[in-house]
């Protein structure tokens, strides 16, 4: 497959490194709003050309697929354009800024006969696959609750628009809650129904008006089908030493994962039940190699992406309902239509 890259982002740099491990992938060009950044990115990643005009990029590239990692408010228009150019699309989360736009992206991909995937990398974490298997097997009994602590320190090179540009989709809810929502759907294999979210503004990017316009911390309670409750904590302002944690609580056993919510692809997992506590070995994985391999296979007609466009739409719907709940102070219903 021949790839183009829309967005000269730090995540695209990481993704390309993982994609180089997948046989048969060719890396063509990049398109960015900054000519200087596009040139720098193309040179560093050994791409053939750099562009600032999307139409020219798509016409000249003759790509089989594109990876969209621009700022969130651009995802919809850029994905539609790529689909119209005959490309399969792997898009970063959230798919869009509005539910209707995400639905349009999914339906447009179907109409064009192209694959639309969402880069929800946490599905590729080996610990999460093991947890899902435990849930499916019934070994934990009835799962009644999940606790997610996804509180991290947002490094300086990622701060920028995430902290001071609400119009670009900044803030911790659209950045991290959307991942947690997708992971919970994947683990529980149930749909979320309602959410109550409270946000905070610690002013990580400064105490000026722009920095305080977006939330940098949030806590939510999400109600899933069957009455399963999930509690999530997202933060940009935790100390850098903080560990992410995932607890799955059943009537006969409980699973505890440390470090599984990062990009590292490593984790520790423990099972606690009537027999005591024992550690479950977790192999390390390259999350993006796994995710993009599944996408490449889906484009060849073999299976589906780890997270489809419909999955991305529903995880985004949880985050949008969370933002609505934070604004209203009430529990909000989640619109799962696609």
Protein backbone atom coordinates (compact mmCIF):
# COMPACT_ATOMS: atom_id res chain seq x y z
CA UNK A 1 0.00 0.00 0.00
CA UNK A 2 1.12 3.52 -0.79
CA UNK A 3 0.51 5.94 2.09
CA UNK A 4 0.05 9.68 2.39
CA UNK A 5 0.07 11.59 5.67
CA UNK A 6 -2.29 14.47 6.41
CA UNK A 7 -0.79 16.29 9.38
CA UNK A 8 2.93 16.54 10.19
CA UNK A 9 2.30 15.58 13.80
CA UNK A 10 4.39 13.96 16.51
CA UNK A 11 2.01 10.99 16.56
CA UNK A 12 2.52 10.56 12.80
CA UNK A 13 6.27 10.36 13.42
CA UNK A 14 5.69 7.56 15.91
CA UNK A 15 3.20 5.78 13.67
CA UNK A 16 5.55 5.80 10.67
CA UNK A 17 8.25 4.16 12.78
CA UNK A 18 5.82 1.34 13.60
CA UNK A 19 4.48 1.09 10.05
CA UNK A 20 7.98 0.48 8.72
CA UNK A 21 7.77 -2.94 10.40
CA UNK A 22 4.80 -3.92 8.20
CA UNK A 23 5.86 -5.53 4.92
CA UNK A 24 4.79 -3.91 1.66
CA UNK A 25 4.14 -0.36 2.90
CA UNK A 26 5.36 2.60 0.83
CA UNK A 27 5.47 6.12 2.26
CA UNK A 28 4.73 8.85 -0.24
CA UNK A 29 4.10 12.40 0.96
CA UNK A 30 2.87 14.67 3.72
CA UNK A 31 0.40 17.56 3.72
CA UNK A 32 0.54 20.21 6.44
CA UNK A 33 -0.73 23.75 6.92
CA UNK A 34 2.88 24.85 7.46
CA UNK A 35 5.21 24.59 4.46
CA UNK A 36 8.28 24.66 6.70
CA UNK A 37 6.94 21.93 8.96
CA UNK A 38 5.90 19.83 5.96
CA UNK A 39 9.40 20.04 4.49
CA UNK A 40 11.01 19.24 7.83
CA UNK A 41 8.71 16.25 8.35
CA UNK A 42 9.22 14.90 4.83
CA UNK A 43 12.99 15.10 5.19
CA UNK A 44 13.04 13.47 8.62
CA UNK A 45 10.72 10.64 7.54
CA UNK A 46 12.30 10.19 4.10
CA UNK A 47 9.08 10.97 2.25
CA UNK A 48 9.04 11.81 -1.44
CA UNK A 49 7.35 15.22 -1.24
CA UNK A 50 5.73 17.82 1.02
CA UNK A 51 2.55 19.80 0.35
CA UNK A 52 0.32 22.45 1.85
CA UNK A 53 -2.57 22.12 -0.64
CA UNK A 54 -4.75 19.10 0.15
CA UNK A 55 -6.23 18.69 -3.34
CA UNK A 56 -2.80 18.82 -4.95
CA UNK A 57 -1.44 16.36 -2.39
CA UNK A 58 -4.23 13.85 -3.05
CA UNK A 59 -4.10 14.20 -6.83
CA UNK A 60 -0.33 13.92 -7.10
CA UNK A 61 0.10 11.19 -4.48
CA UNK A 62 -2.01 8.40 -5.98
CA UNK A 63 -2.30 6.96 -2.49
CA UNK A 64 -3.98 3.72 -1.50
CA UNK A 65 -4.50 5.05 2.02
CA UNK A 66 -3.95 8.17 4.10
CA UNK A 67 -3.42 8.66 7.81
CA UNK A 68 -5.13 11.79 9.14
CA UNK A 69 -3.48 13.22 12.27
CA UNK A 70 -4.21 16.93 11.91
CA UNK A 71 -6.02 18.94 14.59
CA UNK A 72 -9.49 17.62 15.34
CA UNK A 73 -11.59 20.27 13.62
CA UNK A 74 -10.02 19.36 10.26
CA UNK A 75 -10.64 15.60 10.39
CA UNK A 76 -14.05 15.53 8.74
CA UNK A 77 -13.30 17.63 5.65
CA UNK A 78 -9.90 16.01 5.11
CA UNK A 79 -11.30 12.49 5.46
CA UNK A 80 -14.13 13.19 3.03
CA UNK A 81 -11.63 14.59 0.51
CA UNK A 82 -9.39 11.54 0.86
CA UNK A 83 -12.33 9.17 0.43
CA UNK A 84 -13.38 11.09 -2.68
CA UNK A 85 -9.83 10.58 -4.00
CA UNK A 86 -10.29 6.81 -3.63
CA UNK A 87 -8.21 6.40 -0.47
CA UNK A 88 -8.80 4.22 2.53
CA UNK A 89 -8.49 6.36 5.68
CA UNK A 90 -7.08 5.77 9.14
CA UNK A 91 -8.14 8.81 11.17
CA UNK A 92 -7.00 9.93 14.58
CA UNK A 93 -9.55 10.28 17.34
CA UNK A 94 -11.88 11.97 17.76
CA UNK A 95 -13.19 11.44 14.24
CA UNK A 96 -14.78 14.89 14.21
CA UNK A 97 -16.06 17.70 16.38
CA UNK A 98 -19.76 16.97 15.86
CA UNK A 99 -21.68 13.71 15.87
CA UNK A 100 -23.33 14.45 12.53
CA UNK A 101 -19.93 14.93 10.88
CA UNK A 102 -18.63 11.59 12.18
CA UNK A 103 -21.77 9.85 10.89
CA UNK A 104 -21.26 11.50 7.51
CA UNK A 105 -17.66 10.22 7.40
CA UNK A 106 -18.75 6.65 8.15
CA UNK A 107 -21.54 6.70 5.57
CA UNK A 108 -19.32 8.32 2.95
CA UNK A 109 -16.68 5.62 3.39
CA UNK A 110 -19.34 2.94 2.94
CA UNK A 111 -20.70 4.65 -0.17
CA UNK A 112 -17.20 4.85 -1.66
CA UNK A 113 -16.38 1.25 -0.75
CA UNK A 114 -13.38 2.35 1.30
CA UNK A 115 -12.21 1.34 4.77
CA UNK A 116 -12.41 3.96 7.53
CA UNK A 117 -10.56 3.15 10.74
CA UNK A 118 -10.07 5.07 13.98
CA UNK A 119 -6.64 5.01 15.61
CA UNK A 120 -7.74 3.73 19.03
CA UNK A 121 -4.40 2.14 19.87
CA UNK A 122 -5.41 0.83 23.31
CA UNK A 123 -7.29 -2.05 21.67
CA UNK A 124 -3.89 -3.41 20.61
CA UNK A 125 -2.56 -3.62 24.19
CA UNK A 126 -2.01 -7.28 25.05
CA UNK A 127 -3.25 -6.79 28.62
CA UNK A 128 -6.56 -5.51 27.31
CA UNK A 129 -6.98 -8.54 25.08
CA UNK A 130 -6.38 -10.77 28.10
CA UNK A 131 -8.87 -8.80 30.20
CA UNK A 132 -11.49 -9.10 27.47
CA UNK A 133 -10.91 -12.87 27.33
CA UNK A 134 -11.34 -13.14 31.11
CA UNK A 135 -14.63 -11.25 30.89
CA UNK A 136 -15.91 -13.38 28.02
CA UNK A 137 -14.95 -16.64 29.78
CA UNK A 138 -17.03 -15.74 32.83
CA UNK A 139 -14.10 -16.41 35.16
CA UNK A 140 -14.66 -13.03 36.85
CA UNK A 141 -18.35 -13.74 37.37
CA UNK A 142 -20.63 -10.84 36.53
CA UNK A 143 -18.63 -7.67 35.87
CA UNK A 144 -20.35 -4.84 37.72
CA UNK A 145 -17.77 -2.06 37.71
CA UNK A 146 -14.64 -0.75 36.02
CA UNK A 147 -12.30 1.96 37.28
CA UNK A 148 -10.01 3.78 34.85
CA UNK A 149 -7.28 6.17 36.00
CA UNK A 150 -5.82 7.78 32.90
CA UNK A 151 -4.13 10.70 34.61
CA UNK A 152 -0.84 11.68 32.97
CA UNK A 153 1.46 14.66 32.59
CA UNK A 154 1.00 16.15 29.13
CA UNK A 155 4.57 16.79 27.89
CA UNK A 156 5.46 20.29 26.65
CA UNK A 157 5.77 19.24 23.00
CA UNK A 158 2.12 18.06 23.03
CA UNK A 159 0.60 21.00 24.88
CA UNK A 160 0.01 23.78 22.33
CA UNK A 161 -3.46 23.60 20.78
CA UNK A 162 -4.66 20.94 23.24
CA UNK A 163 -4.63 23.59 25.97
CA UNK A 164 -5.40 26.88 24.30
CA UNK A 165 -7.54 26.18 21.21
CA UNK A 166 -11.00 24.91 22.11
CA UNK A 167 -12.06 25.42 18.48
CA UNK A 168 -9.47 22.83 17.43
CA UNK A 169 -10.93 20.28 19.81
CA UNK A 170 -8.50 20.81 22.65
CA UNK A 171 -9.06 19.59 26.19
CA UNK A 172 -8.69 16.33 28.06
CA UNK A 173 -12.19 15.03 27.30
CA UNK A 174 -11.77 14.87 23.52
CA UNK A 175 -8.16 13.77 23.95
CA UNK A 176 -8.37 11.03 26.60
CA UNK A 177 -11.99 10.29 27.59
CA UNK A 178 -12.62 9.32 23.98
CA UNK A 179 -9.90 6.63 24.29
CA UNK A 180 -11.26 5.38 27.61
CA UNK A 181 -14.78 5.17 26.19
CA UNK A 182 -13.57 3.09 23.28
CA UNK A 183 -11.57 0.80 25.55
CA UNK A 184 -14.55 0.24 27.84
CA UNK A 185 -16.77 -0.63 24.86
CA UNK A 186 -14.09 -3.07 23.68
CA UNK A 187 -13.61 -4.75 27.07
CA UNK A 188 -17.24 -4.96 28.15
CA UNK A 189 -18.75 -5.53 24.69
CA UNK A 190 -21.67 -3.43 25.87
CA UNK A 191 -22.82 0.00 24.81
CA UNK A 192 -22.70 3.06 27.09
CA UNK A 193 -26.04 4.69 27.73
CA UNK A 194 -25.62 7.66 30.06
CA UNK A 195 -22.76 9.74 31.44
CA UNK A 196 -22.19 12.25 34.24
CA UNK A 197 -18.96 14.25 33.91
CA UNK A 198 -17.33 16.93 36.03
CA UNK A 199 -14.38 18.84 34.58
CA UNK A 200 -11.68 21.05 36.06
CA UNK A 201 -9.42 23.78 34.74
CA UNK A 202 -6.07 23.85 36.46
CA UNK A 203 -4.58 26.25 33.90
CA UNK A 204 -1.76 23.97 32.79
CA UNK A 205 -1.04 26.19 29.82
CA UNK A 206 -1.13 29.36 31.94
CA UNK A 207 -3.75 31.38 33.70
CA UNK A 208 -4.78 33.50 30.74
CA UNK A 209 -8.27 33.32 29.28
CA UNK A 210 -7.29 31.00 26.41
CA UNK A 211 -5.58 28.47 28.67
CA UNK A 212 -8.59 28.31 30.98
CA UNK A 213 -11.01 27.84 28.08
CA UNK A 214 -10.38 24.08 27.92
CA UNK A 215 -10.54 21.48 30.66
CA UNK A 216 -7.35 19.69 31.71
CA UNK A 217 -8.98 17.29 34.15
CA UNK A 218 -12.23 15.31 34.21
CA UNK A 219 -14.03 12.55 36.10
CA UNK A 220 -16.99 10.64 34.73
CA UNK A 221 -19.41 7.91 35.70
CA UNK A 222 -20.68 6.00 32.67
CA UNK A 223 -23.64 3.63 32.78
CA UNK A 224 -23.48 0.70 30.35
CA UNK A 225 -26.13 -1.74 29.20
CA UNK A 226 -27.04 -4.15 31.95
CA UNK A 227 -26.24 -1.63 34.66
CA UNK A 228 -22.44 -1.95 34.58
CA UNK A 229 -20.86 1.23 35.93
CA UNK A 230 -17.50 2.65 34.87
CA UNK A 231 -15.63 5.44 36.60
CA UNK A 232 -12.99 7.29 34.60
CA UNK A 233 -10.42 9.92 35.51
CA UNK A 234 -8.60 11.86 32.82
CA UNK A 235 -5.93 14.45 33.52
CA UNK A 236 -3.14 16.36 31.80
CA UNK A 237 -1.70 17.68 35.07
CA UNK A 238 -0.70 14.59 37.05
CA UNK A 239 2.89 14.30 38.19
CA UNK A 240 5.04 12.61 35.56
CA UNK A 241 5.61 9.67 37.92
CA UNK A 242 1.89 8.77 37.99
CA UNK A 243 0.96 5.26 36.77
CA UNK A 244 -2.17 4.61 34.74
CA UNK A 245 -4.48 2.03 36.31
CA UNK A 246 -7.34 -0.14 35.11
CA UNK A 247 -9.45 -2.22 37.53
CA UNK A 248 -12.19 -4.62 36.38
CA UNK A 249 -14.43 -5.77 39.23
CA UNK A 250 -16.48 -8.96 39.00
CA UNK A 251 -18.58 -10.97 41.43
CA UNK A 252 -16.00 -13.81 41.51
CA UNK A 253 -12.73 -12.11 40.66
CA UNK A 254 -10.99 -8.85 39.85
CA UNK A 255 -8.29 -7.77 37.40
CA UNK A 256 -5.78 -4.99 38.01
CA UNK A 257 -3.60 -3.55 35.25
CA UNK A 258 -0.80 -1.01 35.71
CA UNK A 259 0.66 1.00 32.84
CA UNK A 260 -1.65 -0.41 30.17
CA UNK A 261 -3.09 2.97 29.14
CA UNK A 262 0.12 4.41 27.69
CA UNK A 263 1.64 4.20 24.20
CA UNK A 264 4.51 2.02 25.47
CA UNK A 265 2.81 -1.31 24.82
CA UNK A 266 3.91 -2.76 28.14
CA UNK A 267 1.83 -3.53 31.21
CA UNK A 268 1.50 -5.55 34.40
CA UNK A 269 -1.68 -7.50 35.12
CA UNK A 270 -2.89 -9.27 38.25
CA UNK A 271 -5.90 -11.49 38.93
CA UNK A 272 -7.32 -11.55 42.46
CA UNK A 273 -10.00 -14.06 43.43
CA UNK A 274 -10.77 -16.68 46.09
CA UNK A 275 -7.48 -18.43 45.28
CA UNK A 276 -5.46 -15.31 46.10
CA UNK A 277 -3.44 -13.02 43.86
CA UNK A 278 -1.38 -14.06 40.86
CA UNK A 279 0.31 -12.11 38.13
CA UNK A 280 -0.72 -12.78 34.54
CA UNK A 281 2.23 -12.50 32.09
CA UNK A 282 1.69 -9.77 29.47
CA UNK A 283 3.88 -9.73 26.34
CA UNK A 284 5.06 -6.31 25.11
CA UNK A 285 3.65 -5.17 21.78
CA UNK A 286 4.09 -2.28 19.37
CA UNK A 287 0.56 -0.89 19.57
CA UNK A 288 0.70 0.96 16.26
CA UNK A 289 2.26 -1.95 14.38
CA UNK A 290 -0.62 -4.15 15.57
CA UNK A 291 -3.28 -1.53 14.81
CA UNK A 292 -2.00 -0.58 11.37
CA UNK A 293 -1.43 -4.23 10.41
CA UNK A 294 -5.11 -4.87 11.12
CA UNK A 295 -6.02 -1.84 9.02
CA UNK A 296 -3.83 -2.96 6.11
CA UNK A 297 -5.45 -6.39 6.26
CA UNK A 298 -8.92 -4.82 6.31
CA UNK A 299 -8.07 -2.83 3.18
CA UNK A 300 -7.16 -6.14 1.53
CA UNK A 301 -10.53 -7.60 2.50
CA UNK A 302 -9.28 -9.55 5.50
CA UNK A 303 -11.24 -8.60 8.59
CA UNK A 304 -11.85 -5.14 10.03
CA UNK A 305 -9.71 -2.42 11.62
CA UNK A 306 -9.25 -2.81 15.36
CA UNK A 307 -11.55 0.21 15.70
CA UNK A 308 -13.86 1.00 12.81
CA UNK A 309 -15.31 4.36 11.88
CA UNK A 310 -18.49 3.35 13.71
CA UNK A 311 -16.41 2.59 16.82
CA UNK A 312 -14.78 6.00 16.52
CA UNK A 313 -18.17 7.67 16.18
CA UNK A 314 -19.50 6.01 19.32
CA UNK A 315 -16.42 6.76 21.43
CA UNK A 316 -16.65 10.38 20.28
CA UNK A 317 -20.35 10.41 21.19
CA UNK A 318 -19.42 9.46 24.77
CA UNK A 319 -16.95 12.35 24.97
CA UNK A 320 -19.43 14.83 23.48
CA UNK A 321 -22.08 13.72 25.97
CA UNK A 322 -19.46 14.11 28.71
CA UNK A 323 -18.82 17.70 27.68
CA UNK A 324 -22.57 18.34 27.58
CA UNK A 325 -22.91 16.87 31.07
CA UNK A 326 -20.10 19.05 32.42
CA UNK A 327 -21.85 22.11 30.99
CA UNK A 328 -25.35 21.19 32.19
CA UNK A 329 -24.44 19.60 35.52
CA UNK A 330 -26.80 16.73 34.68
CA UNK A 331 -26.58 13.15 33.52
CA UNK A 332 -26.69 13.10 29.71
CA UNK A 333 -27.88 10.39 27.34
CA UNK A 334 -25.32 9.20 24.80
CA UNK A 335 -26.32 9.28 21.11
CA UNK A 336 -24.94 6.07 19.61
CA UNK A 337 -26.51 6.40 16.16
CA UNK A 338 -24.20 5.88 13.18
